[in-house]
Amino acid sequence: MIHYLGHDSPLGTMLIAATERGLRSAVFEDQRHFNGIAGWQHDPQHPLLQQAVQQLDAYFAGQRRGFELPLDIPDTQGTEFQRSVWRGLLTIPFGRTSSYAELAHKIGNPKAVRAVGAANGRNPIAIIVPCHRVIGAAGALVGYAGGLERKRFLLALESGQEQILL
């Protein structure tokens, strides 16, 4: 069973979902590649979902630099290559960025830069699995399924720069 809730973040409504094993999804309501909540059970009191909300709120308040949540990304969610990219995202430290080429090299597939970009865009657990920390080779803000304004906001938040809420 997948339990979910909607949470108002500074960047818009997020839909956060979990199973008994861990967090399954955290996406913006209008995010590209989001397939919807069909079959999910609305459960705003689910303990893991409450924990995710508390940690996300602390992150947005500048009081948290990482997340301590179990993840549940099953073999049926994404390809093995996509899951390897998502695992690679977890190694990018708070406040740092990585290029798509660096991430491709890190996961042992240096020629798969475009495929890394595509997998990054399909990350099912935004912010917590930090796909926003991946940038273009020349430092350009490119490719974020939640929108470039959100990516800009998240990177500014992590770098301690002042920002204007959307």
C-alpha atoms as a PDB file:
ATOM      1  CA  MET A   1       0.000   0.000   0.000  1.00  0.00           C
ATOM      2  CA  ILE A   2       1.253   3.478  -0.884  1.00  0.00           C
ATOM      3  CA  HIS A   3       0.210   6.185   1.571  1.00  0.00           C
ATOM      4  CA  TYR A   4       0.433   9.862   0.637  1.00  0.00           C
ATOM      5  CA  LEU A   5      -0.253  13.401   1.695  1.00  0.00           C
ATOM      6  CA  GLY A   6      -0.111  16.820   0.096  1.00  0.00           C
ATOM      7  CA  HIS A   7       2.219  19.330   1.744  1.00  0.00           C
ATOM      8  CA  ASP A   8       2.460  23.056   1.111  1.00  0.00           C
ATOM      9  CA  SER A   9       6.132  23.938   0.719  1.00  0.00           C
ATOM     10  CA  PRO A  10       7.638  27.335  -0.131  1.00  0.00           C
ATOM     11  CA  LEU A  11       7.886  26.044  -3.711  1.00  0.00           C
ATOM     12  CA  GLY A  12       4.325  24.788  -4.065  1.00  0.00           C
ATOM     13  CA  THR A  13       2.379  21.697  -3.119  1.00  0.00           C
ATOM     14  CA  MET A  14       4.402  18.532  -2.807  1.00  0.00           C
ATOM     15  CA  LEU A  15       2.896  15.074  -2.898  1.00  0.00           C
ATOM     16  CA  ILE A  16       4.828  12.815  -0.554  1.00  0.00           C
ATOM     17  CA  ALA A  17       4.267   9.058  -0.564  1.00  0.00           C
ATOM     18  CA  ALA A  18       5.568   6.130   1.452  1.00  0.00           C
ATOM     19  CA  THR A  19       5.184   2.408   1.936  1.00  0.00           C
ATOM     20  CA  GLU A  20       5.903   0.400   5.055  1.00  0.00           C
ATOM     21  CA  ARG A  21       9.535   0.132   3.867  1.00  0.00           C
ATOM     22  CA  GLY A  22      10.232   3.810   3.209  1.00  0.00           C
ATOM     23  CA  LEU A  23       9.662   6.961   1.241  1.00  0.00           C
ATOM     24  CA  ARG A  24       8.501   6.190  -2.298  1.00  0.00           C
ATOM     25  CA  SER A  25       7.897   9.628  -3.789  1.00  0.00           C
ATOM     26  CA  ALA A  26       8.240  13.343  -3.102  1.00  0.00           C
ATOM     27  CA  VAL A  27       7.276  15.447  -6.099  1.00  0.00           C
ATOM     28  CA  PHE A  28       5.798  18.809  -6.861  1.00  0.00           C
ATOM     29  CA  GLU A  29       2.163  18.578  -7.866  1.00  0.00           C
ATOM     30  CA  ASP A  30       2.914  20.045 -11.309  1.00  0.00           C
ATOM     31  CA  GLN A  31       6.231  18.261 -11.855  1.00  0.00           C
ATOM     32  CA  ARG A  32       7.026  16.753 -15.247  1.00  0.00           C
ATOM     33  CA  HIS A  33       7.085  12.942 -15.383  1.00  0.00           C
ATOM     34  CA  PHE A  34       4.731  12.586 -12.416  1.00  0.00           C
ATOM     35  CA  ASN A  35       2.177   9.873 -13.115  1.00  0.00           C
ATOM     36  CA  GLY A  36      -0.384  10.831 -10.491  1.00  0.00           C
ATOM     37  CA  ILE A  37      -1.733   9.247  -7.338  1.00  0.00           C
ATOM     38  CA  ALA A  38      -4.004   6.549  -8.746  1.00  0.00           C
ATOM     39  CA  GLY A  39      -4.101   3.674  -6.275  1.00  0.00           C
ATOM     40  CA  TRP A  40      -2.516   5.671  -3.460  1.00  0.00           C
ATOM     41  CA  GLN A  41      -4.293   6.061  -0.119  1.00  0.00           C
ATOM     42  CA  HIS A  42      -4.546   9.549   1.392  1.00  0.00           C
ATOM     43  CA  ASP A  43      -3.084   9.197   4.883  1.00  0.00           C
ATOM     44  CA  PRO A  44      -1.848  12.524   6.323  1.00  0.00           C
ATOM     45  CA  GLN A  45      -1.204  10.954   9.735  1.00  0.00           C
ATOM     46  CA  HIS A  46       1.156   8.239   8.476  1.00  0.00           C
ATOM     47  CA  PRO A  47       4.256   8.443  10.747  1.00  0.00           C
ATOM     48  CA  LEU A  48       6.855   8.309   7.967  1.00  0.00           C
ATOM     49  CA  LEU A  49       5.020  10.970   5.977  1.00  0.00           C
ATOM     50  CA  GLN A  50       4.885  13.176   9.068  1.00  0.00           C
ATOM     51  CA  GLN A  51       8.616  12.648   9.567  1.00  0.00           C
ATOM     52  CA  ALA A  52       9.277  13.598   5.927  1.00  0.00           C
ATOM     53  CA  VAL A  53       7.205  16.777   6.285  1.00  0.00           C
ATOM     54  CA  GLN A  54       9.077  17.766   9.457  1.00  0.00           C
ATOM     55  CA  GLN A  55      12.447  17.224   7.804  1.00  0.00           C
ATOM     56  CA  LEU A  56      11.442  19.085   4.641  1.00  0.00           C
ATOM     57  CA  ASP A  57      10.123  22.013   6.692  1.00  0.00           C
ATOM     58  CA  ALA A  58      13.406  22.138   8.639  1.00  0.00           C
ATOM     59  CA  TYR A  59      15.347  22.012   5.346  1.00  0.00           C
ATOM     60  CA  PHE A  60      13.359  24.935   3.920  1.00  0.00           C
ATOM     61  CA  ALA A  61      13.874  26.865   7.177  1.00  0.00           C
ATOM     62  CA  GLY A  62      17.643  26.422   6.810  1.00  0.00           C
ATOM     63  CA  GLN A  63      17.812  24.142   9.857  1.00  0.00           C
ATOM     64  CA  ARG A  64      18.581  20.843   8.091  1.00  0.00           C
ATOM     65  CA  ARG A  65      21.316  19.952   5.615  1.00  0.00           C
ATOM     66  CA  GLY A  66      20.408  16.302   5.024  1.00  0.00           C
ATOM     67  CA  PHE A  67      17.603  13.822   5.441  1.00  0.00           C
ATOM     68  CA  GLU A  68      17.299  10.759   7.634  1.00  0.00           C
ATOM     69  CA  LEU A  69      14.483   8.874   5.965  1.00  0.00           C
ATOM     70  CA  PRO A  70      14.352   5.302   4.723  1.00  0.00           C
ATOM     71  CA  LEU A  71      13.814   5.137   0.968  1.00  0.00           C
ATOM     72  CA  ASP A  72      11.772   2.556  -0.921  1.00  0.00           C
ATOM     73  CA  ILE A  73      12.651   2.617  -4.599  1.00  0.00           C
ATOM     74  CA  PRO A  74      11.673  -0.840  -5.847  1.00  0.00           C
ATOM     75  CA  ASP A  75      13.030  -2.591  -8.912  1.00  0.00           C
ATOM     76  CA  THR A  76       9.748  -1.813 -10.653  1.00  0.00           C
ATOM     77  CA  GLN A  77      10.363   1.922 -10.309  1.00  0.00           C
ATOM     78  CA  GLY A  78      12.821   2.932 -13.005  1.00  0.00           C
ATOM     79  CA  THR A  79      15.492   0.923 -14.738  1.00  0.00           C
ATOM     80  CA  GLU A  80      18.645  -0.314 -13.034  1.00  0.00           C
ATOM     81  CA  PHE A  81      20.527   2.514 -14.763  1.00  0.00           C
ATOM     82  CA  GLN A  82      18.063   5.119 -13.448  1.00  0.00           C
ATOM     83  CA  ARG A  83      18.318   3.716  -9.936  1.00  0.00           C
ATOM     84  CA  SER A  84      22.130   3.879 -10.160  1.00  0.00           C
ATOM     85  CA  VAL A  85      21.845   7.567 -11.090  1.00  0.00           C
ATOM     86  CA  TRP A  86      19.468   8.187  -8.178  1.00  0.00           C
ATOM     87  CA  ARG A  87      21.910   6.457  -5.804  1.00  0.00           C
ATOM     88  CA  GLY A  88      24.662   8.646  -7.247  1.00  0.00           C
ATOM     89  CA  LEU A  89      22.632  11.761  -6.473  1.00  0.00           C
ATOM     90  CA  LEU A  90      22.700  10.833  -2.785  1.00  0.00           C
ATOM     91  CA  THR A  91      26.500  11.254  -2.786  1.00  0.00           C
ATOM     92  CA  ILE A  92      26.409  14.946  -3.783  1.00  0.00           C
ATOM     93  CA  PRO A  93      26.915  16.918  -0.559  1.00  0.00           C
ATOM     94  CA  PHE A  94      24.636  19.703   0.633  1.00  0.00           C
ATOM     95  CA  GLY A  95      25.637  23.042  -0.864  1.00  0.00           C
ATOM     96  CA  ARG A  96      27.667  21.438  -3.663  1.00  0.00           C
ATOM     97  CA  THR A  97      26.862  20.713  -7.272  1.00  0.00           C
ATOM     98  CA  SER A  98      27.939  18.137  -9.797  1.00  0.00           C
ATOM     99  CA  SER A  99      27.773  18.166 -13.580  1.00  0.00           C
ATOM    100  CA  TYR A 100      25.952  15.489 -15.541  1.00  0.00           C
ATOM    101  CA  ALA A 101      29.354  14.330 -16.854  1.00  0.00           C
ATOM    102  CA  GLU A 102      30.765  14.076 -13.308  1.00  0.00           C
ATOM    103  CA  LEU A 103      27.764  12.056 -12.200  1.00  0.00           C
ATOM    104  CA  ALA A 104      28.059   9.756 -15.241  1.00  0.00           C
ATOM    105  CA  HIS A 105      31.704   9.163 -14.360  1.00  0.00           C
ATOM    106  CA  LYS A 106      30.859   8.611 -10.674  1.00  0.00           C
ATOM    107  CA  ILE A 107      28.381   5.824 -11.516  1.00  0.00           C
ATOM    108  CA  GLY A 108      30.914   4.154 -13.814  1.00  0.00           C
ATOM    109  CA  ASN A 109      29.370   5.083 -17.147  1.00  0.00           C
ATOM    110  CA  PRO A 110      31.253   8.198 -18.352  1.00  0.00           C
ATOM    111  CA  LYS A 111      29.770   8.170 -21.869  1.00  0.00           C
ATOM    112  CA  ALA A 112      26.165   8.198 -20.620  1.00  0.00           C
ATOM    113  CA  VAL A 113      25.905  11.936 -19.947  1.00  0.00           C
ATOM    114  CA  ARG A 114      22.584  12.390 -21.772  1.00  0.00           C
ATOM    115  CA  ALA A 115      21.129   9.256 -20.194  1.00  0.00           C
ATOM    116  CA  VAL A 116      22.179  10.545 -16.772  1.00  0.00           C
ATOM    117  CA  GLY A 117      20.283  13.758 -17.530  1.00  0.00           C
ATOM    118  CA  ALA A 118      17.176  11.821 -18.531  1.00  0.00           C
ATOM    119  CA  ALA A 119      17.355   9.616 -15.415  1.00  0.00           C
ATOM    120  CA  ASN A 120      17.924  12.669 -13.228  1.00  0.00           C
ATOM    121  CA  GLY A 121      14.716  14.196 -14.606  1.00  0.00           C
ATOM    122  CA  ARG A 122      12.741  11.111 -13.593  1.00  0.00           C
ATOM    123  CA  ASN A 123      13.941  11.066  -9.987  1.00  0.00           C
ATOM    124  CA  PRO A 124      10.843  10.176  -7.933  1.00  0.00           C
ATOM    125  CA  ILE A 125      12.050  11.751  -4.667  1.00  0.00           C
ATOM    126  CA  ALA A 126      12.816  15.425  -5.262  1.00  0.00           C
ATOM    127  CA  ILE A 127      14.958  17.397  -2.802  1.00  0.00           C
ATOM    128  CA  ILE A 128      15.594  14.377  -0.540  1.00  0.00           C
ATOM    129  CA  VAL A 129      17.357  12.637  -3.436  1.00  0.00           C
ATOM    130  CA  PRO A 130      18.993  15.889  -4.586  1.00  0.00           C
ATOM    131  CA  CYS A 131      18.605  15.978  -8.355  1.00  0.00           C
ATOM    132  CA  HIS A 132      18.584  19.790  -8.126  1.00  0.00           C
ATOM    133  CA  ARG A 133      22.335  19.672  -7.398  1.00  0.00           C
ATOM    134  CA  VAL A 134      23.172  18.532 -10.933  1.00  0.00           C
ATOM    135  CA  ILE A 135      24.061  21.332 -13.344  1.00  0.00           C
ATOM    136  CA  GLY A 136      25.363  21.705 -16.886  1.00  0.00           C
ATOM    137  CA  ALA A 137      29.076  21.352 -17.638  1.00  0.00           C
ATOM    138  CA  ALA A 138      29.579  25.133 -17.813  1.00  0.00           C
ATOM    139  CA  GLY A 139      27.659  25.691 -14.576  1.00  0.00           C
ATOM    140  CA  ALA A 140      24.359  26.428 -16.300  1.00  0.00           C
ATOM    141  CA  LEU A 141      21.095  25.634 -14.568  1.00  0.00           C
ATOM    142  CA  VAL A 142      19.545  23.141 -16.925  1.00  0.00           C
ATOM    143  CA  GLY A 143      17.006  20.353 -16.709  1.00  0.00           C
ATOM    144  CA  TYR A 144      14.898  20.214 -13.580  1.00  0.00           C
ATOM    145  CA  ALA A 145      11.549  18.420 -13.750  1.00  0.00           C
ATOM    146  CA  GLY A 146      10.177  20.755 -11.072  1.00  0.00           C
ATOM    147  CA  GLY A 147      11.161  23.840 -13.085  1.00  0.00           C
ATOM    148  CA  LEU A 148      14.305  25.947 -13.200  1.00  0.00           C
ATOM    149  CA  GLU A 149      12.947  28.550 -10.760  1.00  0.00           C
ATOM    150  CA  ARG A 150      12.643  25.852  -8.115  1.00  0.00           C
ATOM    151  CA  LYS A 151      16.131  24.578  -8.895  1.00  0.00           C
ATOM    152  CA  ARG A 152      17.517  28.108  -8.599  1.00  0.00           C
ATOM    153  CA  PHE A 153      15.722  28.531  -5.245  1.00  0.00           C
ATOM    154  CA  LEU A 154      17.036  25.219  -3.846  1.00  0.00           C
ATOM    155  CA  LEU A 155      20.634  25.912  -4.871  1.00  0.00           C
ATOM    156  CA  ALA A 156      20.445  29.414  -3.388  1.00  0.00           C
ATOM    157  CA  LEU A 157      18.976  28.003  -0.171  1.00  0.00           C
ATOM    158  CA  GLU A 158      21.829  25.517   0.122  1.00  0.00           C
ATOM    159  CA  SER A 159      24.500  28.114  -0.642  1.00  0.00           C
ATOM    160  CA  GLY A 160      23.111  30.527   1.958  1.00  0.00           C
ATOM    161  CA  GLN A 161      22.293  33.197  -0.617  1.00  0.00           C
ATOM    162  CA  GLU A 162      19.330  35.501  -0.142  1.00  0.00           C
ATOM    163  CA  GLN A 163      16.428  34.590  -2.352  1.00  0.00           C
ATOM    164  CA  ILE A 164      12.941  35.670  -3.236  1.00  0.00           C
ATOM    165  CA  LEU A 165      10.185  33.144  -2.685  1.00  0.00           C
ATOM    166  CA  LEU A 166       8.244  32.230  -5.814  1.00  0.00           C
END
